[in-house]
Each structure stands twice: as structure tokens, then as C-alpha cells.
Amino acid sequence: MGDNAGPAKLAAIKKHDLKTLSEDEFLNLLATRKTGKLDEKTRKKIEKEEEAIRQAAKDMEKREKIQAKKEDKQEGSSTAG
């Protein structure tokens, strides 16, 4: 998640009820991950979860860009007058 998660990221995490990991938790997860073949059901579940994460990230990025544009317009209009 990172140390400087912004309000949009925190809101998306809460909205989608996502589990967050610290850097140490993430590294531990990688270190303890079992290698080998997954059964088809587990593989499909992981693929579905990964796609949901990718889509949530895209949605969050889109909202942040829209918000940044709004803020830029507000700053421009307040300095123009």
C-alpha cells in the first residue's frame, strides 16, 4: 500500500474491502509462497482476484486524474482573478 497512501487509495481500499499488507508482510508472503502447480479452481480464482485488483487500480487512477484536473482548474481560476 505504501507509506503515503492518499485519500482516494484509502477510500478504494475501504470500499472494496481489500486486505492491505505492509512491506514486510508482502515480502514474507513471497518468501513463503509454495511453488508448484495449482489446481484449476485455485488458478482461476487467483486470476479473477488479480483482474479485480487491476480493474480497481485503473478505476482509482482514473478518479485521481479527474480529481487532479479539478484541483488544477480551481487553482487556475483562483489565481486568474
PDB file of N, CA and C in Angstrom:
ATOM      1  N   MET A   1       0.828  -1.171   0.000  1.00  0.00           N
ATOM      2  CA  MET A   1       0.000   0.000   0.000  1.00  0.00           C
ATOM      3  C   MET A   1       0.876   1.240   0.000  1.00  0.00           C
ATOM      4  N   GLY A   2       2.000   1.212   0.641  1.00  0.00           N
ATOM      5  CA  GLY A   2       2.895   2.363   0.666  1.00  0.00           C
ATOM      6  C   GLY A   2       2.661   3.231   1.888  1.00  0.00           C
ATOM      7  N   ASP A   3       3.677   3.983   2.243  1.00  0.00           N
ATOM      8  CA  ASP A   3       3.602   4.829   3.429  1.00  0.00           C
ATOM      9  C   ASP A   3       2.752   6.074   3.229  1.00  0.00           C
ATOM     10  N   ASN A   4       2.640   6.534   1.983  1.00  0.00           N
ATOM     11  CA  ASN A   4       1.949   7.791   1.715  1.00  0.00           C
ATOM     12  C   ASN A   4       0.669   7.575   0.928  1.00  0.00           C
ATOM     13  N   ALA A   5      -0.144   6.631   1.332  1.00  0.00           N
ATOM     14  CA  ALA A   5      -1.392   6.366   0.621  1.00  0.00           C
ATOM     15  C   ALA A   5      -2.302   7.583   0.739  1.00  0.00           C
ATOM     16  N   GLY A   6      -2.798   8.022  -0.402  1.00  0.00           N
ATOM     17  CA  GLY A   6      -3.677   9.184  -0.428  1.00  0.00           C
ATOM     18  C   GLY A   6      -5.102   8.822  -0.065  1.00  0.00           C
ATOM     19  N   PRO A   7      -5.942   9.837   0.090  1.00  0.00           N
ATOM     20  CA  PRO A   7      -7.329   9.597   0.489  1.00  0.00           C
ATOM     21  C   PRO A   7      -8.104   8.760  -0.524  1.00  0.00           C
ATOM     22  N   ALA A   8      -7.823   8.930  -1.814  1.00  0.00           N
ATOM     23  CA  ALA A   8      -8.535   8.142  -2.824  1.00  0.00           C
ATOM     24  C   ALA A   8      -8.185   6.664  -2.699  1.00  0.00           C
ATOM     25  N   LYS A   9      -6.902   6.385  -2.481  1.00  0.00           N
ATOM     26  CA  LYS A   9      -6.478   4.990  -2.339  1.00  0.00           C
ATOM     27  C   LYS A   9      -7.085   4.372  -1.080  1.00  0.00           C
ATOM     28  N   LEU A  10      -7.065   5.110   0.014  1.00  0.00           N
ATOM     29  CA  LEU A  10      -7.639   4.604   1.257  1.00  0.00           C
ATOM     30  C   LEU A  10      -9.143   4.374   1.116  1.00  0.00           C
ATOM     31  N   ALA A  11      -9.833   5.272   0.419  1.00  0.00           N
ATOM     32  CA  ALA A  11     -11.269   5.120   0.205  1.00  0.00           C
ATOM     33  C   ALA A  11     -11.558   3.886  -0.647  1.00  0.00           C
ATOM     34  N   ALA A  12     -10.751   3.664  -1.692  1.00  0.00           N
ATOM     35  CA  ALA A  12     -10.947   2.499  -2.558  1.00  0.00           C
ATOM     36  C   ALA A  12     -10.696   1.203  -1.791  1.00  0.00           C
ATOM     37  N   ILE A  13      -9.700   1.207  -0.950  1.00  0.00           N
ATOM     38  CA  ILE A  13      -9.406   0.021  -0.136  1.00  0.00           C
ATOM     39  C   ILE A  13     -10.593  -0.297   0.758  1.00  0.00           C
ATOM     40  N   LYS A  14     -11.144   0.739   1.377  1.00  0.00           N
ATOM     41  CA  LYS A  14     -12.294   0.542   2.264  1.00  0.00           C
ATOM     42  C   LYS A  14     -13.517   0.109   1.465  1.00  0.00           C
ATOM     43  N   LYS A  15     -13.776   0.776   0.337  1.00  0.00           N
ATOM     44  CA  LYS A  15     -14.948   0.483  -0.487  1.00  0.00           C
ATOM     45  C   LYS A  15     -14.948  -0.964  -0.967  1.00  0.00           C
ATOM     46  N   HIS A  16     -13.794  -1.446  -1.401  1.00  0.00           N
ATOM     47  CA  HIS A  16     -13.697  -2.798  -1.952  1.00  0.00           C
ATOM     48  C   HIS A  16     -13.307  -3.835  -0.902  1.00  0.00           C
ATOM     49  N   ASP A  17     -13.220  -3.392   0.346  1.00  0.00           N
ATOM     50  CA  ASP A  17     -12.877  -4.279   1.465  1.00  0.00           C
ATOM     51  C   ASP A  17     -11.624  -5.103   1.138  1.00  0.00           C
ATOM     52  N   LEU A  18     -10.574  -4.382   0.705  1.00  0.00           N
ATOM     53  CA  LEU A  18      -9.326  -5.032   0.331  1.00  0.00           C
ATOM     54  C   LEU A  18      -8.415  -5.204   1.536  1.00  0.00           C
ATOM     55  N   LYS A  19      -7.689  -6.296   1.547  1.00  0.00           N
ATOM     56  CA  LYS A  19      -6.705  -6.527   2.596  1.00  0.00           C
ATOM     57  C   LYS A  19      -5.429  -5.800   2.201  1.00  0.00           C
ATOM     58  N   THR A  20      -4.822  -5.129   3.147  1.00  0.00           N
ATOM     59  CA  THR A  20      -3.567  -4.441   2.863  1.00  0.00           C
ATOM     60  C   THR A  20      -2.426  -5.160   3.571  1.00  0.00           C
ATOM     61  N   LEU A  21      -1.246  -5.017   3.003  1.00  0.00           N
ATOM     62  CA  LEU A  21      -0.053  -5.636   3.563  1.00  0.00           C
ATOM     63  C   LEU A  21       1.029  -4.579   3.728  1.00  0.00           C
ATOM     64  N   SER A  22       1.767  -4.705   4.805  1.00  0.00           N
ATOM     65  CA  SER A  22       2.956  -3.871   4.942  1.00  0.00           C
ATOM     66  C   SER A  22       4.030  -4.455   4.023  1.00  0.00           C
ATOM     67  N   GLU A  23       5.112  -3.722   3.846  1.00  0.00           N
ATOM     68  CA  GLU A  23       6.198  -4.233   3.004  1.00  0.00           C
ATOM     69  C   GLU A  23       6.738  -5.545   3.571  1.00  0.00           C
ATOM     70  N   ASP A  24       6.915  -5.614   4.879  1.00  0.00           N
ATOM     71  CA  ASP A  24       7.427  -6.842   5.498  1.00  0.00           C
ATOM     72  C   ASP A  24       6.461  -8.007   5.301  1.00  0.00           C
ATOM     73  N   GLU A  25       5.159  -7.749   5.438  1.00  0.00           N
ATOM     74  CA  GLU A  25       4.171  -8.810   5.233  1.00  0.00           C
ATOM     75  C   GLU A  25       4.201  -9.298   3.786  1.00  0.00           C
ATOM     76  N   PHE A  26       4.332  -8.354   2.851  1.00  0.00           N
ATOM     77  CA  PHE A  26       4.394  -8.709   1.435  1.00  0.00           C
ATOM     78  C   PHE A  26       5.620  -9.572   1.140  1.00  0.00           C
ATOM     79  N   LEU A  27       6.773  -9.153   1.646  1.00  0.00           N
ATOM     80  CA  LEU A  27       7.994  -9.919   1.419  1.00  0.00           C
ATOM     81  C   LEU A  27       7.910 -11.305   2.052  1.00  0.00           C
ATOM     82  N   ASN A  28       7.302 -11.389   3.225  1.00  0.00           N
ATOM     83  CA  ASN A  28       7.126 -12.681   3.878  1.00  0.00           C
ATOM     84  C   ASN A  28       6.199 -13.577   3.052  1.00  0.00           C
ATOM     85  N   LEU A  29       5.162 -12.981   2.501  1.00  0.00           N
ATOM     86  CA  LEU A  29       4.244 -13.743   1.652  1.00  0.00           C
ATOM     87  C   LEU A  29       4.986 -14.327   0.454  1.00  0.00           C
ATOM     88  N   LEU A  30       5.817 -13.526  -0.171  1.00  0.00           N
ATOM     89  CA  LEU A  30       6.591 -14.021  -1.314  1.00  0.00           C
ATOM     90  C   LEU A  30       7.566 -15.118  -0.901  1.00  0.00           C
ATOM     91  N   ALA A  31       8.200 -14.920   0.240  1.00  0.00           N
ATOM     92  CA  ALA A  31       9.214 -15.879   0.700  1.00  0.00           C
ATOM     93  C   ALA A  31       8.597 -17.223   1.069  1.00  0.00           C
ATOM     94  N   THR A  32       7.370 -17.212   1.531  1.00  0.00           N
ATOM     95  CA  THR A  32       6.752 -18.455   1.999  1.00  0.00           C
ATOM     96  C   THR A  32       5.801 -19.065   0.978  1.00  0.00           C
ATOM     97  N   ARG A  33       5.688 -18.433  -0.185  1.00  0.00           N
ATOM     98  CA  ARG A  33       4.781 -18.939  -1.208  1.00  0.00           C
ATOM     99  C   ARG A  33       5.268 -20.284  -1.727  1.00  0.00           C
ATOM    100  N   LYS A  34       4.357 -21.199  -1.770  1.00  0.00           N
ATOM    101  CA  LYS A  34       4.698 -22.534  -2.261  1.00  0.00           C
ATOM    102  C   LYS A  34       4.750 -22.510  -3.779  1.00  0.00           C
ATOM    103  N   THR A  35       5.744 -23.177  -4.306  1.00  0.00           N
ATOM    104  CA  THR A  35       5.841 -23.273  -5.755  1.00  0.00           C
ATOM    105  C   THR A  35       5.213 -24.581  -6.197  1.00  0.00           C
ATOM    106  N   GLY A  36       4.937 -24.657  -7.420  1.00  0.00           N
ATOM    107  CA  GLY A  36       4.330 -25.869  -7.937  1.00  0.00           C
ATOM    108  C   GLY A  36       3.033 -25.536  -8.641  1.00  0.00           C
ATOM    109  N   LYS A  37       2.401 -26.542  -9.159  1.00  0.00           N
ATOM    110  CA  LYS A  37       1.182 -26.334  -9.929  1.00  0.00           C
ATOM    111  C   LYS A  37      -0.013 -26.173  -9.005  1.00  0.00           C
ATOM    112  N   LEU A  38      -0.873 -25.266  -9.427  1.00  0.00           N
ATOM    113  CA  LEU A  38      -2.126 -25.052  -8.705  1.00  0.00           C
ATOM    114  C   LEU A  38      -3.222 -25.831  -9.416  1.00  0.00           C
ATOM    115  N   ASP A  39      -4.214 -26.254  -8.640  1.00  0.00           N
ATOM    116  CA  ASP A  39      -5.333 -26.897  -9.308  1.00  0.00           C
ATOM    117  C   ASP A  39      -6.106 -25.839 -10.092  1.00  0.00           C
ATOM    118  N   GLU A  40      -6.899 -26.278 -11.039  1.00  0.00           N
ATOM    119  CA  GLU A  40      -7.589 -25.371 -11.962  1.00  0.00           C
ATOM    120  C   GLU A  40      -8.502 -24.384 -11.226  1.00  0.00           C
ATOM    121  N   LYS A  41      -9.215 -24.842 -10.225  1.00  0.00           N
ATOM    122  CA  LYS A  41     -10.132 -23.985  -9.473  1.00  0.00           C
ATOM    123  C   LYS A  41      -9.360 -22.851  -8.773  1.00  0.00           C
ATOM    124  N   THR A  42      -8.246 -23.191  -8.144  1.00  0.00           N
ATOM    125  CA  THR A  42      -7.433 -22.193  -7.447  1.00  0.00           C
ATOM    126  C   THR A  42      -6.812 -21.218  -8.432  1.00  0.00           C
ATOM    127  N   ARG A  43      -6.319 -21.729  -9.554  1.00  0.00           N
ATOM    128  CA  ARG A  43      -5.727 -20.862 -10.572  1.00  0.00           C
ATOM    129  C   ARG A  43      -6.740 -19.854 -11.099  1.00  0.00           C
ATOM    130  N   LYS A  44      -7.954 -20.313 -11.388  1.00  0.00           N
ATOM    131  CA  LYS A  44      -8.994 -19.415 -11.892  1.00  0.00           C
ATOM    132  C   LYS A  44      -9.387 -18.382 -10.840  1.00  0.00           C
ATOM    133  N   LYS A  45      -9.439 -18.805  -9.596  1.00  0.00           N
ATOM    134  CA  LYS A  45      -9.775 -17.873  -8.517  1.00  0.00           C
ATOM    135  C   LYS A  45      -8.714 -16.778  -8.410  1.00  0.00           C
ATOM    136  N   ILE A  46      -7.455 -17.169  -8.490  1.00  0.00           N
ATOM    137  CA  ILE A  46      -6.359 -16.201  -8.418  1.00  0.00           C
ATOM    138  C   ILE A  46      -6.424 -15.243  -9.606  1.00  0.00           C
ATOM    139  N   GLU A  47      -6.681 -15.780 -10.795  1.00  0.00           N
ATOM    140  CA  GLU A  47      -6.782 -14.922 -11.977  1.00  0.00           C
ATOM    141  C   GLU A  47      -7.920 -13.920 -11.825  1.00  0.00           C
ATOM    142  N   LYS A  48      -9.036 -14.359 -11.302  1.00  0.00           N
ATOM    143  CA  LYS A  48     -10.188 -13.477 -11.097  1.00  0.00           C
ATOM    144  C   LYS A  48      -9.851 -12.384 -10.084  1.00  0.00           C
ATOM    145  N   GLU A  49      -9.200 -12.761  -8.996  1.00  0.00           N
ATOM    146  CA  GLU A  49      -8.806 -11.780  -7.975  1.00  0.00           C
ATOM    147  C   GLU A  49      -7.804 -10.775  -8.543  1.00  0.00           C
ATOM    148  N   GLU A  50      -6.853 -11.259  -9.324  1.00  0.00           N
ATOM    149  CA  GLU A  50      -5.855 -10.368  -9.921  1.00  0.00           C
ATOM    150  C   GLU A  50      -6.507  -9.385 -10.885  1.00  0.00           C
ATOM    151  N   GLU A  51      -7.473  -9.847 -11.664  1.00  0.00           N
ATOM    152  CA  GLU A  51      -8.174  -8.961 -12.597  1.00  0.00           C
ATOM    153  C   GLU A  51      -8.972  -7.905 -11.827  1.00  0.00           C
ATOM    154  N   ALA A  52      -9.602  -8.307 -10.737  1.00  0.00           N
ATOM    155  CA  ALA A  52     -10.345  -7.346  -9.916  1.00  0.00           C
ATOM    156  C   ALA A  52      -9.408  -6.286  -9.342  1.00  0.00           C
ATOM    157  N   ILE A  53      -8.223  -6.699  -8.947  1.00  0.00           N
ATOM    158  CA  ILE A  53      -7.229  -5.757  -8.414  1.00  0.00           C
ATOM    159  C   ILE A  53      -6.772  -4.799  -9.519  1.00  0.00           C
ATOM    160  N   ARG A  54      -6.497  -5.336 -10.695  1.00  0.00           N
ATOM    161  CA  ARG A  54      -6.083  -4.477 -11.815  1.00  0.00           C
ATOM    162  C   ARG A  54      -7.167  -3.459 -12.151  1.00  0.00           C
ATOM    163  N   GLN A  55      -8.435  -3.908 -12.174  1.00  0.00           N
ATOM    164  CA  GLN A  55      -9.532  -3.006 -12.504  1.00  0.00           C
ATOM    165  C   GLN A  55      -9.706  -1.946 -11.426  1.00  0.00           C
ATOM    166  N   ALA A  56      -9.597  -2.342 -10.167  1.00  0.00           N
ATOM    167  CA  ALA A  56      -9.705  -1.367  -9.071  1.00  0.00           C
ATOM    168  C   ALA A  56      -8.589  -0.333  -9.167  1.00  0.00           C
ATOM    169  N   ALA A  57      -7.395  -0.768  -9.528  1.00  0.00           N
ATOM    170  CA  ALA A  57      -6.269   0.165  -9.672  1.00  0.00           C
ATOM    171  C   ALA A  57      -6.520   1.136 -10.830  1.00  0.00           C
ATOM    172  N   LYS A  58      -7.043   0.629 -11.951  1.00  0.00           N
ATOM    173  CA  LYS A  58      -7.358   1.503 -13.083  1.00  0.00           C
ATOM    174  C   LYS A  58      -8.416   2.526 -12.703  1.00  0.00           C
ATOM    175  N   ASP A  59      -9.451   2.052 -12.023  1.00  0.00           N
ATOM    176  CA  ASP A  59     -10.525   2.953 -11.595  1.00  0.00           C
ATOM    177  C   ASP A  59      -9.995   4.029 -10.652  1.00  0.00           C
ATOM    178  N   MET A  60      -9.140   3.626  -9.740  1.00  0.00           N
ATOM    179  CA  MET A  60      -8.567   4.565  -8.784  1.00  0.00           C
ATOM    180  C   MET A  60      -7.704   5.598  -9.503  1.00  0.00           C
ATOM    181  N   GLU A  61      -6.902   5.149 -10.446  1.00  0.00           N
ATOM    182  CA  GLU A  61      -6.042   6.064 -11.200  1.00  0.00           C
ATOM    183  C   GLU A  61      -6.884   7.065 -11.988  1.00  0.00           C
ATOM    184  N   LYS A  62      -7.968   6.583 -12.591  1.00  0.00           N
ATOM    185  CA  LYS A  62      -8.860   7.466 -13.349  1.00  0.00           C
ATOM    186  C   LYS A  62      -9.473   8.524 -12.436  1.00  0.00           C
ATOM    187  N   ARG A  63      -9.960   8.098 -11.263  1.00  0.00           N
ATOM    188  CA  ARG A  63     -10.546   9.059 -10.314  1.00  0.00           C
ATOM    189  C   ARG A  63      -9.511  10.076  -9.849  1.00  0.00           C
ATOM    190  N   GLU A  64      -8.289   9.630  -9.596  1.00  0.00           N
ATOM    191  CA  GLU A  64      -7.237  10.546  -9.141  1.00  0.00           C
ATOM    192  C   GLU A  64      -6.887  11.560 -10.225  1.00  0.00           C
ATOM    193  N   LYS A  65      -6.876  11.133 -11.500  1.00  0.00           N
ATOM    194  CA  LYS A  65      -6.590  12.065 -12.596  1.00  0.00           C
ATOM    195  C   LYS A  65      -7.698  13.096 -12.727  1.00  0.00           C
ATOM    196  N   ILE A  66      -8.944  12.657 -12.600  1.00  0.00           N
ATOM    197  CA  ILE A  66     -10.078  13.581 -12.663  1.00  0.00           C
ATOM    198  C   ILE A  66      -9.990  14.586 -11.517  1.00  0.00           C
ATOM    199  N   GLN A  67      -9.693  14.099 -10.331  1.00  0.00           N
ATOM    200  CA  GLN A  67      -9.573  14.982  -9.167  1.00  0.00           C
ATOM    201  C   GLN A  67      -8.436  15.982  -9.351  1.00  0.00           C
ATOM    202  N   ALA A  68      -7.323  15.524  -9.885  1.00  0.00           N
ATOM    203  CA  ALA A  68      -6.178  16.421 -10.103  1.00  0.00           C
ATOM    204  C   ALA A  68      -6.542  17.509 -11.105  1.00  0.00           C
ATOM    205  N   LYS A  69      -7.285  17.157 -12.162  1.00  0.00           N
ATOM    206  CA  LYS A  69      -7.712  18.152 -13.143  1.00  0.00           C
ATOM    207  C   LYS A  69      -8.631  19.182 -12.502  1.00  0.00           C
ATOM    208  N   LYS A  70      -9.542  18.712 -11.650  1.00  0.00           N
ATOM    209  CA  LYS A  70     -10.447  19.629 -10.953  1.00  0.00           C
ATOM    210  C   LYS A  70      -9.659  20.591 -10.074  1.00  0.00           C
ATOM    211  N   GLU A  71      -8.691  20.053  -9.365  1.00  0.00           N
ATOM    212  CA  GLU A  71      -7.876  20.883  -8.483  1.00  0.00           C
ATOM    213  C   GLU A  71      -7.049  21.893  -9.285  1.00  0.00           C
ATOM    214  N   ASP A  72      -6.531  21.464 -10.438  1.00  0.00           N
ATOM    215  CA  ASP A  72      -5.767  22.375 -11.296  1.00  0.00           C
ATOM    216  C   ASP A  72      -6.653  23.510 -11.798  1.00  0.00           C
ATOM    217  N   LYS A  73      -7.881  23.182 -12.199  1.00  0.00           N
ATOM    218  CA  LYS A  73      -8.815  24.205 -12.669  1.00  0.00           C
ATOM    219  C   LYS A  73      -9.152  25.184 -11.549  1.00  0.00           C
ATOM    220  N   GLN A  74      -9.358  24.653 -10.346  1.00  0.00           N
ATOM    221  CA  GLN A  74      -9.676  25.516  -9.205  1.00  0.00           C
ATOM    222  C   GLN A  74      -8.516  26.442  -8.900  1.00  0.00           C
ATOM    223  N   GLU A  75      -7.308  25.927  -8.933  1.00  0.00           N
ATOM    224  CA  GLU A  75      -6.125  26.767  -8.677  1.00  0.00           C
ATOM    225  C   GLU A  75      -5.967  27.811  -9.766  1.00  0.00           C
ATOM    226  N   GLY A  76      -6.215  27.440 -11.009  1.00  0.00           N
ATOM    227  CA  GLY A  76      -6.113  28.380 -12.120  1.00  0.00           C
ATOM    228  C   GLY A  76      -7.137  29.491 -12.037  1.00  0.00           C
ATOM    229  N   SER A  77      -8.347  29.161 -11.630  1.00  0.00           N
ATOM    230  CA  SER A  77      -9.386  30.186 -11.560  1.00  0.00           C
ATOM    231  C   SER A  77      -9.173  31.090 -10.354  1.00  0.00           C
ATOM    232  N   SER A  78      -8.565  30.591  -9.294  1.00  0.00           N
ATOM    233  CA  SER A  78      -8.351  31.435  -8.117  1.00  0.00           C
ATOM    234  C   SER A  78      -7.169  32.386  -8.314  1.00  0.00           C
ATOM    235  N   THR A  79      -6.215  32.002  -9.167  1.00  0.00           N
ATOM    236  CA  THR A  79      -5.063  32.882  -9.414  1.00  0.00           C
ATOM    237  C   THR A  79      -5.321  33.828 -10.577  1.00  0.00           C
ATOM    238  N   ALA A  80      -6.318  33.511 -11.413  1.00  0.00           N
ATOM    239  CA  ALA A  80      -6.598  34.349 -12.584  1.00  0.00           C
ATOM    240  C   ALA A  80      -7.307  35.639 -12.195  1.00  0.00           C
ATOM    241  N   GLY A  81      -8.027  35.656 -11.093  1.00  0.00           N
ATOM    242  CA  GLY A  81      -8.825  36.829 -10.750  1.00  0.00           C
ATOM    243  C   GLY A  81      -8.148  37.695  -9.818  1.00  0.00           C
TER     244      GLY A  81
END
